């Protein structure tokens, strides 16, 4: 049987080594893993990202909160691309407080002028558990996050974010999330969230190339049961998540060090041939790894 854990895996070790030392008051883009943000080095000069831990009583549903602020020169625009994780988000923005299902593809947002966005990244399964949506696979869906004080809390959170108070912005939105959680929590959702939390923790530290069968063995379940859990609560298969995690790590490492050898990188994240790696990378990121490395290299050069 192939082992899922082998101490600190090559991928985990490489990802850890790529993380810069935390700096006081630095954007989260400076501090370390930005898994999913395309060209994180180039993004640093365009917007600031803060991450805030969730309240303890919401930690089963919320992975973290994120606050983005930007102030671009007049007449300029910046489009940021993000590779989605298999989770939903609740986001305070100018249009209102909105619930986002997992995007169907790459997520792009164009920034102009000055502004802020306050988001909550839900845990795997949290979209269905918190919002009570019957179909977690409704990828790309966007709808209002309802509550008696949603509009007021949304406006107040944005004011606090623009003022450089990300923790205050998150505290403003937390009661709405707590109220929703109290309405929708069930023993079934709690069990699903716990099982998914364990599965995603194993995936994050898995040996490159781990199969769904090996993952199920490590979790003490069957591949069929694992696939059903993911289909019901996440909306994508465990195989999709295993593959996407490898690409996220590869993109992170290229963003930190665009000069990495691509064949070696492909092997490090579990691909036996570079062509397969390139195909998965293009589907996830939108461009081949070589082109992505050149784009990231320009960002690194500008900051050198």
C-alpha atoms as a PDB file:
ATOM      1  CA  UNK A   1       0.000   0.000   0.000  1.00  0.00           C
ATOM      2  CA  UNK A   2       1.347   3.401  -0.888  1.00  0.00           C
ATOM      3  CA  UNK A   3       1.946   5.575   2.149  1.00  0.00           C
ATOM      4  CA  UNK A   4       0.073   8.867   2.269  1.00  0.00           C
ATOM      5  CA  UNK A   5       2.335  10.383   4.907  1.00  0.00           C
ATOM      6  CA  UNK A   6       6.109  10.257   4.800  1.00  0.00           C
ATOM      7  CA  UNK A   7       7.189  12.806   7.378  1.00  0.00           C
ATOM      8  CA  UNK A   8       7.439  16.167   5.666  1.00  0.00           C
ATOM      9  CA  UNK A   9       6.760  15.528   1.997  1.00  0.00           C
ATOM     10  CA  UNK A  10       8.821  17.076  -0.809  1.00  0.00           C
ATOM     11  CA  UNK A  11       5.900  19.316  -1.740  1.00  0.00           C
ATOM     12  CA  UNK A  12       5.333  20.476   1.826  1.00  0.00           C
ATOM     13  CA  UNK A  13       9.053  21.010   2.354  1.00  0.00           C
ATOM     14  CA  UNK A  14       9.396  22.981  -0.889  1.00  0.00           C
ATOM     15  CA  UNK A  15       6.347  25.084  -0.096  1.00  0.00           C
ATOM     16  CA  UNK A  16       7.650  25.835   3.396  1.00  0.00           C
ATOM     17  CA  UNK A  17      11.069  26.777   2.060  1.00  0.00           C
ATOM     18  CA  UNK A  18       9.459  29.147  -0.431  1.00  0.00           C
ATOM     19  CA  UNK A  19       7.718  31.150   2.260  1.00  0.00           C
ATOM     20  CA  UNK A  20       9.402  34.418   3.250  1.00  0.00           C
ATOM     21  CA  UNK A  21       9.841  35.299   6.890  1.00  0.00           C
ATOM     22  CA  UNK A  22       6.841  37.227   8.282  1.00  0.00           C
ATOM     23  CA  UNK A  23       7.292  40.979   8.384  1.00  0.00           C
ATOM     24  CA  UNK A  24       5.512  43.288  10.779  1.00  0.00           C
ATOM     25  CA  UNK A  25       2.464  44.938   9.208  1.00  0.00           C
ATOM     26  CA  UNK A  26       3.244  43.295   5.875  1.00  0.00           C
ATOM     27  CA  UNK A  27       0.562  42.197   3.480  1.00  0.00           C
ATOM     28  CA  UNK A  28      -0.244  38.489   3.625  1.00  0.00           C
ATOM     29  CA  UNK A  29       1.144  38.406   0.091  1.00  0.00           C
ATOM     30  CA  UNK A  30       4.550  39.063   1.656  1.00  0.00           C
ATOM     31  CA  UNK A  31       4.228  36.550   4.467  1.00  0.00           C
ATOM     32  CA  UNK A  32       3.485  33.317   2.855  1.00  0.00           C
ATOM     33  CA  UNK A  33       1.454  30.894   1.086  1.00  0.00           C
ATOM     34  CA  UNK A  34      -0.817  32.588  -1.396  1.00  0.00           C
ATOM     35  CA  UNK A  35      -2.031  29.295  -2.891  1.00  0.00           C
ATOM     36  CA  UNK A  36      -4.418  30.247  -5.643  1.00  0.00           C
ATOM     37  CA  UNK A  37      -3.324  33.854  -6.269  1.00  0.00           C
ATOM     38  CA  UNK A  38      -1.832  33.965  -9.752  1.00  0.00           C
ATOM     39  CA  UNK A  39       1.498  35.843  -9.844  1.00  0.00           C
ATOM     40  CA  UNK A  40       1.541  36.794  -6.133  1.00  0.00           C
ATOM     41  CA  UNK A  41       4.775  38.766  -6.504  1.00  0.00           C
ATOM     42  CA  UNK A  42       3.315  40.983  -9.220  1.00  0.00           C
ATOM     43  CA  UNK A  43       0.185  41.514  -7.127  1.00  0.00           C
ATOM     44  CA  UNK A  44       2.048  42.942  -4.141  1.00  0.00           C
ATOM     45  CA  UNK A  45       2.355  46.421  -5.609  1.00  0.00           C
ATOM     46  CA  UNK A  46      -1.315  46.542  -6.617  1.00  0.00           C
ATOM     47  CA  UNK A  47      -3.207  45.568  -3.479  1.00  0.00           C
ATOM     48  CA  UNK A  48      -2.726  44.567   0.154  1.00  0.00           C
ATOM     49  CA  UNK A  49      -4.117  41.338   1.559  1.00  0.00           C
ATOM     50  CA  UNK A  50      -4.783  40.724   5.252  1.00  0.00           C
ATOM     51  CA  UNK A  51      -5.932  37.414   6.697  1.00  0.00           C
ATOM     52  CA  UNK A  52      -7.889  37.199   9.933  1.00  0.00           C
ATOM     53  CA  UNK A  53      -8.606  34.053  11.938  1.00  0.00           C
ATOM     54  CA  UNK A  54     -12.279  33.158  12.491  1.00  0.00           C
ATOM     55  CA  UNK A  55     -14.064  33.263  15.822  1.00  0.00           C
ATOM     56  CA  UNK A  56     -13.576  29.926  17.643  1.00  0.00           C
ATOM     57  CA  UNK A  57     -17.262  29.026  17.412  1.00  0.00           C
ATOM     58  CA  UNK A  58     -17.156  29.427  13.616  1.00  0.00           C
ATOM     59  CA  UNK A  59     -13.888  27.584  13.001  1.00  0.00           C
ATOM     60  CA  UNK A  60     -15.727  24.461  11.817  1.00  0.00           C
ATOM     61  CA  UNK A  61     -17.283  26.486   8.978  1.00  0.00           C
ATOM     62  CA  UNK A  62     -14.778  29.264   8.285  1.00  0.00           C
ATOM     63  CA  UNK A  63     -11.205  28.705   7.132  1.00  0.00           C
ATOM     64  CA  UNK A  64     -10.183  32.357   7.382  1.00  0.00           C
ATOM     65  CA  UNK A  65     -11.337  35.867   6.599  1.00  0.00           C
ATOM     66  CA  UNK A  66      -9.508  37.965   4.032  1.00  0.00           C
ATOM     67  CA  UNK A  67      -9.470  41.713   3.511  1.00  0.00           C
ATOM     68  CA  UNK A  68      -8.169  43.281   0.305  1.00  0.00           C
ATOM     69  CA  UNK A  69      -7.533  47.015  -0.078  1.00  0.00           C
ATOM     70  CA  UNK A  70      -6.153  48.915  -3.047  1.00  0.00           C
ATOM     71  CA  UNK A  71      -5.408  52.464  -4.167  1.00  0.00           C
ATOM     72  CA  UNK A  72      -4.402  52.655  -7.824  1.00  0.00           C
ATOM     73  CA  UNK A  73      -3.379  55.789  -9.736  1.00  0.00           C
ATOM     74  CA  UNK A  74      -6.158  57.510 -11.723  1.00  0.00           C
ATOM     75  CA  UNK A  75      -6.786  55.948 -15.091  1.00  0.00           C
ATOM     76  CA  UNK A  76      -5.119  52.631 -14.271  1.00  0.00           C
ATOM     77  CA  UNK A  77      -6.669  49.207 -13.814  1.00  0.00           C
ATOM     78  CA  UNK A  78      -5.344  45.885 -12.565  1.00  0.00           C
ATOM     79  CA  UNK A  79      -6.934  42.493 -13.162  1.00  0.00           C
ATOM     80  CA  UNK A  80      -6.086  39.797 -10.628  1.00  0.00           C
ATOM     81  CA  UNK A  81      -6.636  36.135 -11.436  1.00  0.00           C
ATOM     82  CA  UNK A  82      -7.253  33.493  -8.772  1.00  0.00           C
ATOM     83  CA  UNK A  83      -7.288  29.714  -9.103  1.00  0.00           C
ATOM     84  CA  UNK A  84     -10.326  28.665  -7.094  1.00  0.00           C
ATOM     85  CA  UNK A  85     -10.266  26.306  -4.179  1.00  0.00           C
ATOM     86  CA  UNK A  86     -13.244  23.922  -3.876  1.00  0.00           C
ATOM     87  CA  UNK A  87     -15.010  26.168  -1.375  1.00  0.00           C
ATOM     88  CA  UNK A  88     -17.464  29.054  -1.260  1.00  0.00           C
ATOM     89  CA  UNK A  89     -16.995  32.586   0.004  1.00  0.00           C
ATOM     90  CA  UNK A  90     -19.137  35.259   1.644  1.00  0.00           C
ATOM     91  CA  UNK A  91     -17.978  38.673   0.434  1.00  0.00           C
ATOM     92  CA  UNK A  92     -18.726  42.250   1.476  1.00  0.00           C
ATOM     93  CA  UNK A  93     -18.313  44.529  -1.534  1.00  0.00           C
ATOM     94  CA  UNK A  94     -19.872  47.615  -3.077  1.00  0.00           C
ATOM     95  CA  UNK A  95     -22.667  45.563  -4.656  1.00  0.00           C
ATOM     96  CA  UNK A  96     -23.688  44.170  -1.261  1.00  0.00           C
ATOM     97  CA  UNK A  97     -23.019  41.140   0.914  1.00  0.00           C
ATOM     98  CA  UNK A  98     -22.843  38.212  -1.500  1.00  0.00           C
ATOM     99  CA  UNK A  99     -22.412  34.445  -1.281  1.00  0.00           C
ATOM    100  CA  UNK A 100     -20.169  32.953  -3.961  1.00  0.00           C
ATOM    101  CA  UNK A 101     -20.162  29.280  -4.854  1.00  0.00           C
ATOM    102  CA  UNK A 102     -16.937  27.799  -6.151  1.00  0.00           C
ATOM    103  CA  UNK A 103     -16.204  29.405  -9.548  1.00  0.00           C
ATOM    104  CA  UNK A 104     -16.595  27.260 -12.645  1.00  0.00           C
ATOM    105  CA  UNK A 105     -13.138  28.343 -13.823  1.00  0.00           C
ATOM    106  CA  UNK A 106     -10.528  30.957 -13.070  1.00  0.00           C
ATOM    107  CA  UNK A 107     -11.852  33.901 -11.063  1.00  0.00           C
ATOM    108  CA  UNK A 108     -10.868  37.360 -12.294  1.00  0.00           C
ATOM    109  CA  UNK A 109     -11.469  40.710 -10.670  1.00  0.00           C
ATOM    110  CA  UNK A 110     -10.513  44.096 -12.140  1.00  0.00           C
ATOM    111  CA  UNK A 111      -9.520  46.790  -9.639  1.00  0.00           C
ATOM    112  CA  UNK A 112      -9.664  50.519 -10.333  1.00  0.00           C
ATOM    113  CA  UNK A 113      -9.349  53.597  -8.146  1.00  0.00           C
ATOM    114  CA  UNK A 114      -9.415  52.904  -4.415  1.00  0.00           C
ATOM    115  CA  UNK A 115     -11.512  50.357  -2.598  1.00  0.00           C
ATOM    116  CA  UNK A 116     -11.831  47.365  -0.337  1.00  0.00           C
ATOM    117  CA  UNK A 117     -13.394  43.920  -0.209  1.00  0.00           C
ATOM    118  CA  UNK A 118     -13.956  41.831   2.930  1.00  0.00           C
ATOM    119  CA  UNK A 119     -14.338  38.103   2.392  1.00  0.00           C
ATOM    120  CA  UNK A 120     -14.880  34.915   4.332  1.00  0.00           C
ATOM    121  CA  UNK A 121     -13.373  31.751   2.913  1.00  0.00           C
ATOM    122  CA  UNK A 122     -15.545  28.847   3.999  1.00  0.00           C
ATOM    123  CA  UNK A 123     -14.153  25.418   4.751  1.00  0.00           C
ATOM    124  CA  UNK A 124     -14.797  22.514   2.381  1.00  0.00           C
ATOM    125  CA  UNK A 125     -18.473  21.703   2.747  1.00  0.00           C
ATOM    126  CA  UNK A 126     -19.137  25.016   4.477  1.00  0.00           C
ATOM    127  CA  UNK A 127     -21.037  26.475   1.524  1.00  0.00           C
ATOM    128  CA  UNK A 128     -23.752  23.867   1.830  1.00  0.00           C
ATOM    129  CA  UNK A 129     -23.606  23.712   5.631  1.00  0.00           C
ATOM    130  CA  UNK A 130     -23.874  27.481   6.134  1.00  0.00           C
ATOM    131  CA  UNK A 131     -26.160  28.445   3.273  1.00  0.00           C
ATOM    132  CA  UNK A 132     -28.353  25.375   3.166  1.00  0.00           C
ATOM    133  CA  UNK A 133     -27.950  25.111  -0.592  1.00  0.00           C
ATOM    134  CA  UNK A 134     -29.016  21.730  -1.894  1.00  0.00           C
ATOM    135  CA  UNK A 135     -26.404  21.590  -4.649  1.00  0.00           C
ATOM    136  CA  UNK A 136     -22.823  22.395  -3.622  1.00  0.00           C
ATOM    137  CA  UNK A 137     -21.828  21.880  -7.243  1.00  0.00           C
ATOM    138  CA  UNK A 138     -23.672  24.978  -8.515  1.00  0.00           C
ATOM    139  CA  UNK A 139     -20.338  26.354  -9.612  1.00  0.00           C
ATOM    140  CA  UNK A 140     -20.167  30.043 -10.369  1.00  0.00           C
ATOM    141  CA  UNK A 141     -23.431  30.893  -8.596  1.00  0.00           C
ATOM    142  CA  UNK A 142     -23.613  34.258  -6.813  1.00  0.00           C
ATOM    143  CA  UNK A 143     -26.462  35.399  -4.609  1.00  0.00           C
ATOM    144  CA  UNK A 144     -27.227  37.740  -1.707  1.00  0.00           C
ATOM    145  CA  UNK A 145     -26.254  36.693   1.793  1.00  0.00           C
ATOM    146  CA  UNK A 146     -29.439  37.573   3.609  1.00  0.00           C
ATOM    147  CA  UNK A 147     -29.880  38.853   7.134  1.00  0.00           C
ATOM    148  CA  UNK A 148     -31.783  41.649   8.894  1.00  0.00           C
ATOM    149  CA  UNK A 149     -28.645  43.773   9.239  1.00  0.00           C
ATOM    150  CA  UNK A 150     -26.763  42.600   6.127  1.00  0.00           C
ATOM    151  CA  UNK A 151     -26.804  45.927   4.270  1.00  0.00           C
ATOM    152  CA  UNK A 152     -25.689  47.933   7.310  1.00  0.00           C
ATOM    153  CA  UNK A 153     -22.971  45.442   8.272  1.00  0.00           C
ATOM    154  CA  UNK A 154     -21.725  45.332   4.686  1.00  0.00           C
ATOM    155  CA  UNK A 155     -21.334  49.115   4.507  1.00  0.00           C
ATOM    156  CA  UNK A 156     -19.690  49.347   7.941  1.00  0.00           C
ATOM    157  CA  UNK A 157     -17.225  46.544   7.182  1.00  0.00           C
ATOM    158  CA  UNK A 158     -16.087  48.286   3.992  1.00  0.00           C
ATOM    159  CA  UNK A 159     -15.549  51.566   5.844  1.00  0.00           C
ATOM    160  CA  UNK A 160     -13.431  49.777   8.460  1.00  0.00           C
ATOM    161  CA  UNK A 161     -11.427  47.929   5.809  1.00  0.00           C
ATOM    162  CA  UNK A 162     -10.640  51.152   3.941  1.00  0.00           C
ATOM    163  CA  UNK A 163      -9.536  52.677   7.243  1.00  0.00           C
ATOM    164  CA  UNK A 164      -6.939  49.934   7.678  1.00  0.00           C
ATOM    165  CA  UNK A 165      -8.865  47.997  10.343  1.00  0.00           C
ATOM    166  CA  UNK A 166      -9.273  44.473   8.934  1.00  0.00           C
ATOM    167  CA  UNK A 167     -10.009  42.869  12.306  1.00  0.00           C
ATOM    168  CA  UNK A 168     -12.781  45.386  12.985  1.00  0.00           C
ATOM    169  CA  UNK A 169     -14.239  44.744   9.537  1.00  0.00           C
ATOM    170  CA  UNK A 170     -14.360  41.019  10.240  1.00  0.00           C
ATOM    171  CA  UNK A 171     -15.908  41.545  13.677  1.00  0.00           C
ATOM    172  CA  UNK A 172     -18.697  43.531  12.027  1.00  0.00           C
ATOM    173  CA  UNK A 173     -19.616  40.621   9.756  1.00  0.00           C
ATOM    174  CA  UNK A 174     -19.147  37.815  12.288  1.00  0.00           C
ATOM    175  CA  UNK A 175     -22.614  38.114  13.932  1.00  0.00           C
ATOM    176  CA  UNK A 176     -24.281  37.578  10.546  1.00  0.00           C
ATOM    177  CA  UNK A 177     -22.252  34.439   9.969  1.00  0.00           C
ATOM    178  CA  UNK A 178     -22.969  33.238  13.497  1.00  0.00           C
ATOM    179  CA  UNK A 179     -26.720  33.750  13.072  1.00  0.00           C
ATOM    180  CA  UNK A 180     -26.684  31.797   9.812  1.00  0.00           C
ATOM    181  CA  UNK A 181     -24.658  28.999  11.394  1.00  0.00           C
ATOM    182  CA  UNK A 182     -27.081  28.690  14.298  1.00  0.00           C
ATOM    183  CA  UNK A 183     -29.972  28.316  11.851  1.00  0.00           C
ATOM    184  CA  UNK A 184     -28.350  25.747   9.584  1.00  0.00           C
ATOM    185  CA  UNK A 185     -26.058  23.584  11.752  1.00  0.00           C
ATOM    186  CA  UNK A 186     -27.158  19.957  12.046  1.00  0.00           C
ATOM    187  CA  UNK A 187     -25.497  16.771  13.334  1.00  0.00           C
ATOM    188  CA  UNK A 188     -25.228  15.610   9.718  1.00  0.00           C
ATOM    189  CA  UNK A 189     -23.473  18.763   8.566  1.00  0.00           C
ATOM    190  CA  UNK A 190     -21.141  18.641  11.576  1.00  0.00           C
ATOM    191  CA  UNK A 191     -20.136  15.069  10.723  1.00  0.00           C
ATOM    192  CA  UNK A 192     -19.588  15.945   7.058  1.00  0.00           C
ATOM    193  CA  UNK A 193     -17.471  18.992   7.904  1.00  0.00           C
ATOM    194  CA  UNK A 194     -15.330  16.962  10.301  1.00  0.00           C
ATOM    195  CA  UNK A 195     -14.769  14.210   7.732  1.00  0.00           C
ATOM    196  CA  UNK A 196     -13.927  16.729   5.017  1.00  0.00           C
ATOM    197  CA  UNK A 197     -11.588  18.594   7.347  1.00  0.00           C
ATOM    198  CA  UNK A 198      -9.626  15.401   7.949  1.00  0.00           C
ATOM    199  CA  UNK A 199      -9.581  14.554   4.239  1.00  0.00           C
ATOM    200  CA  UNK A 200      -8.300  17.963   3.186  1.00  0.00           C
ATOM    201  CA  UNK A 201      -5.638  17.918   5.909  1.00  0.00           C
ATOM    202  CA  UNK A 202      -4.356  14.606   4.548  1.00  0.00           C
ATOM    203  CA  UNK A 203      -4.410  15.958   0.984  1.00  0.00           C
ATOM    204  CA  UNK A 204      -2.395  19.019   2.011  1.00  0.00           C
ATOM    205  CA  UNK A 205       0.482  16.834   3.264  1.00  0.00           C
ATOM    206  CA  UNK A 206       0.082  13.856   0.955  1.00  0.00           C
ATOM    207  CA  UNK A 207       2.940  12.269  -0.943  1.00  0.00           C
ATOM    208  CA  UNK A 208       2.892  13.605  -4.527  1.00  0.00           C
ATOM    209  CA  UNK A 209       0.851  11.318  -6.761  1.00  0.00           C
ATOM    210  CA  UNK A 210      -1.329   9.950  -3.949  1.00  0.00           C
ATOM    211  CA  UNK A 211      -4.355   8.147  -5.386  1.00  0.00           C
ATOM    212  CA  UNK A 212      -7.964   8.332  -4.246  1.00  0.00           C
ATOM    213  CA  UNK A 213      -7.657   4.724  -3.070  1.00  0.00           C
ATOM    214  CA  UNK A 214      -4.628   5.551  -0.913  1.00  0.00           C
ATOM    215  CA  UNK A 215      -6.408   8.613   0.449  1.00  0.00           C
ATOM    216  CA  UNK A 216      -9.461   6.538   1.358  1.00  0.00           C
ATOM    217  CA  UNK A 217      -7.250   3.919   3.041  1.00  0.00           C
ATOM    218  CA  UNK A 218      -5.589   6.583   5.171  1.00  0.00           C
ATOM    219  CA  UNK A 219      -8.988   7.944   6.185  1.00  0.00           C
ATOM    220  CA  UNK A 220     -10.388   4.507   7.018  1.00  0.00           C
ATOM    221  CA  UNK A 221     -13.111   4.617   4.394  1.00  0.00           C
ATOM    222  CA  UNK A 222     -13.743   3.381   0.861  1.00  0.00           C
ATOM    223  CA  UNK A 223     -13.141   5.276  -2.381  1.00  0.00           C
ATOM    224  CA  UNK A 224     -16.868   5.129  -3.150  1.00  0.00           C
ATOM    225  CA  UNK A 225     -17.819   6.619   0.230  1.00  0.00           C
ATOM    226  CA  UNK A 226     -15.183   9.325  -0.142  1.00  0.00           C
ATOM    227  CA  UNK A 227     -16.411  10.203  -3.625  1.00  0.00           C
ATOM    228  CA  UNK A 228     -19.992  10.402  -2.377  1.00  0.00           C
ATOM    229  CA  UNK A 229     -18.967  12.699   0.503  1.00  0.00           C
ATOM    230  CA  UNK A 230     -17.190  15.052  -1.886  1.00  0.00           C
ATOM    231  CA  UNK A 231     -20.039  14.987  -4.410  1.00  0.00           C
ATOM    232  CA  UNK A 232     -22.654  15.789  -1.767  1.00  0.00           C
ATOM    233  CA  UNK A 233     -20.777  18.500   0.126  1.00  0.00           C
ATOM    234  CA  UNK A 234     -17.978  19.877  -2.061  1.00  0.00           C
ATOM    235  CA  UNK A 235     -19.200  19.557  -5.626  1.00  0.00           C
ATOM    236  CA  UNK A 236     -15.989  18.135  -7.105  1.00  0.00           C
ATOM    237  CA  UNK A 237     -14.292  14.757  -6.787  1.00  0.00           C
ATOM    238  CA  UNK A 238     -11.399  13.896  -4.445  1.00  0.00           C
ATOM    239  CA  UNK A 239      -9.305  13.194  -7.557  1.00  0.00           C
ATOM    240  CA  UNK A 240      -9.950  16.761  -8.741  1.00  0.00           C
ATOM    241  CA  UNK A 241      -8.877  18.138  -5.350  1.00  0.00           C
ATOM    242  CA  UNK A 242      -5.682  16.055  -5.273  1.00  0.00           C
ATOM    243  CA  UNK A 243      -4.746  17.236  -8.760  1.00  0.00           C
ATOM    244  CA  UNK A 244      -5.637  20.880  -8.123  1.00  0.00           C
ATOM    245  CA  UNK A 245      -3.579  20.957  -4.924  1.00  0.00           C
ATOM    246  CA  UNK A 246      -0.501  19.873  -6.857  1.00  0.00           C
ATOM    247  CA  UNK A 247      -0.995  22.677  -9.382  1.00  0.00           C
ATOM    248  CA  UNK A 248      -1.567  25.223  -6.599  1.00  0.00           C
ATOM    249  CA  UNK A 249       1.730  24.242  -5.006  1.00  0.00           C
ATOM    250  CA  UNK A 250       3.548  24.346  -8.347  1.00  0.00           C
ATOM    251  CA  UNK A 251       2.189  27.814  -9.135  1.00  0.00           C
ATOM    252  CA  UNK A 252       3.125  29.018  -5.660  1.00  0.00           C
ATOM    253  CA  UNK A 253       6.687  27.817  -6.062  1.00  0.00           C
ATOM    254  CA  UNK A 254       7.031  29.344  -9.533  1.00  0.00           C
ATOM    255  CA  UNK A 255       5.652  32.604  -8.186  1.00  0.00           C
ATOM    256  CA  UNK A 256       8.364  32.647  -5.528  1.00  0.00           C
ATOM    257  CA  UNK A 257      11.177  31.379  -7.763  1.00  0.00           C
ATOM    258  CA  UNK A 258      10.460  31.736 -11.512  1.00  0.00           C
ATOM    259  CA  UNK A 259      13.818  30.163 -12.340  1.00  0.00           C
ATOM    260  CA  UNK A 260      12.846  26.689 -11.126  1.00  0.00           C
ATOM    261  CA  UNK A 261      13.520  23.822 -13.516  1.00  0.00           C
ATOM    262  CA  UNK A 262      10.090  22.852 -14.871  1.00  0.00           C
ATOM    263  CA  UNK A 263      10.856  19.160 -15.302  1.00  0.00           C
ATOM    264  CA  UNK A 264      12.108  18.978 -11.733  1.00  0.00           C
ATOM    265  CA  UNK A 265       9.093  20.915 -10.495  1.00  0.00           C
ATOM    266  CA  UNK A 266       6.722  18.553 -12.299  1.00  0.00           C
ATOM    267  CA  UNK A 267       8.372  15.567 -10.624  1.00  0.00           C
ATOM    268  CA  UNK A 268       8.371  17.257  -7.215  1.00  0.00           C
ATOM    269  CA  UNK A 269       4.598  17.742  -7.297  1.00  0.00           C
ATOM    270  CA  UNK A 270       3.919  14.197  -8.430  1.00  0.00           C
ATOM    271  CA  UNK A 271       3.856  14.123 -12.226  1.00  0.00           C
ATOM    272  CA  UNK A 272       5.642  11.372 -14.118  1.00  0.00           C
ATOM    273  CA  UNK A 273       5.809  13.361 -17.338  1.00  0.00           C
ATOM    274  CA  UNK A 274       6.061  17.072 -17.974  1.00  0.00           C
ATOM    275  CA  UNK A 275       3.373  17.056 -20.693  1.00  0.00           C
ATOM    276  CA  UNK A 276       0.728  15.892 -18.201  1.00  0.00           C
ATOM    277  CA  UNK A 277       1.862  18.557 -15.752  1.00  0.00           C
ATOM    278  CA  UNK A 278       1.692  21.240 -18.440  1.00  0.00           C
ATOM    279  CA  UNK A 279      -1.838  20.216 -19.436  1.00  0.00           C
ATOM    280  CA  UNK A 280      -3.135  20.339 -15.864  1.00  0.00           C
ATOM    281  CA  UNK A 281      -1.344  23.639 -15.261  1.00  0.00           C
ATOM    282  CA  UNK A 282      -2.907  25.249 -18.337  1.00  0.00           C
ATOM    283  CA  UNK A 283      -6.384  24.079 -17.310  1.00  0.00           C
ATOM    284  CA  UNK A 284      -5.948  25.494 -13.807  1.00  0.00           C
ATOM    285  CA  UNK A 285      -3.939  28.671 -14.442  1.00  0.00           C
ATOM    286  CA  UNK A 286      -4.790  29.512 -18.035  1.00  0.00           C
ATOM    287  CA  UNK A 287      -1.214  29.581 -19.383  1.00  0.00           C
ATOM    288  CA  UNK A 288       1.658  27.048 -19.608  1.00  0.00           C
ATOM    289  CA  UNK A 289       4.077  26.936 -16.661  1.00  0.00           C
ATOM    290  CA  UNK A 290       6.906  28.444 -18.729  1.00  0.00           C
ATOM    291  CA  UNK A 291       4.831  31.483 -19.656  1.00  0.00           C
ATOM    292  CA  UNK A 292       3.630  31.796 -16.066  1.00  0.00           C
ATOM    293  CA  UNK A 293       7.228  31.700 -14.825  1.00  0.00           C
ATOM    294  CA  UNK A 294       8.202  34.485 -17.237  1.00  0.00           C
ATOM    295  CA  UNK A 295       5.295  36.634 -16.023  1.00  0.00           C
ATOM    296  CA  UNK A 296       6.282  36.048 -12.402  1.00  0.00           C
ATOM    297  CA  UNK A 297       9.905  36.738 -13.281  1.00  0.00           C
ATOM    298  CA  UNK A 298       9.001  40.209 -14.492  1.00  0.00           C
ATOM    299  CA  UNK A 299       7.288  40.869 -11.155  1.00  0.00           C
ATOM    300  CA  UNK A 300      10.313  39.656  -9.212  1.00  0.00           C
ATOM    301  CA  UNK A 301      12.626  41.796 -11.336  1.00  0.00           C
ATOM    302  CA  UNK A 302      10.565  44.906 -10.778  1.00  0.00           C
ATOM    303  CA  UNK A 303      10.829  44.445  -6.999  1.00  0.00           C
ATOM    304  CA  UNK A 304      14.526  43.570  -6.928  1.00  0.00           C
END
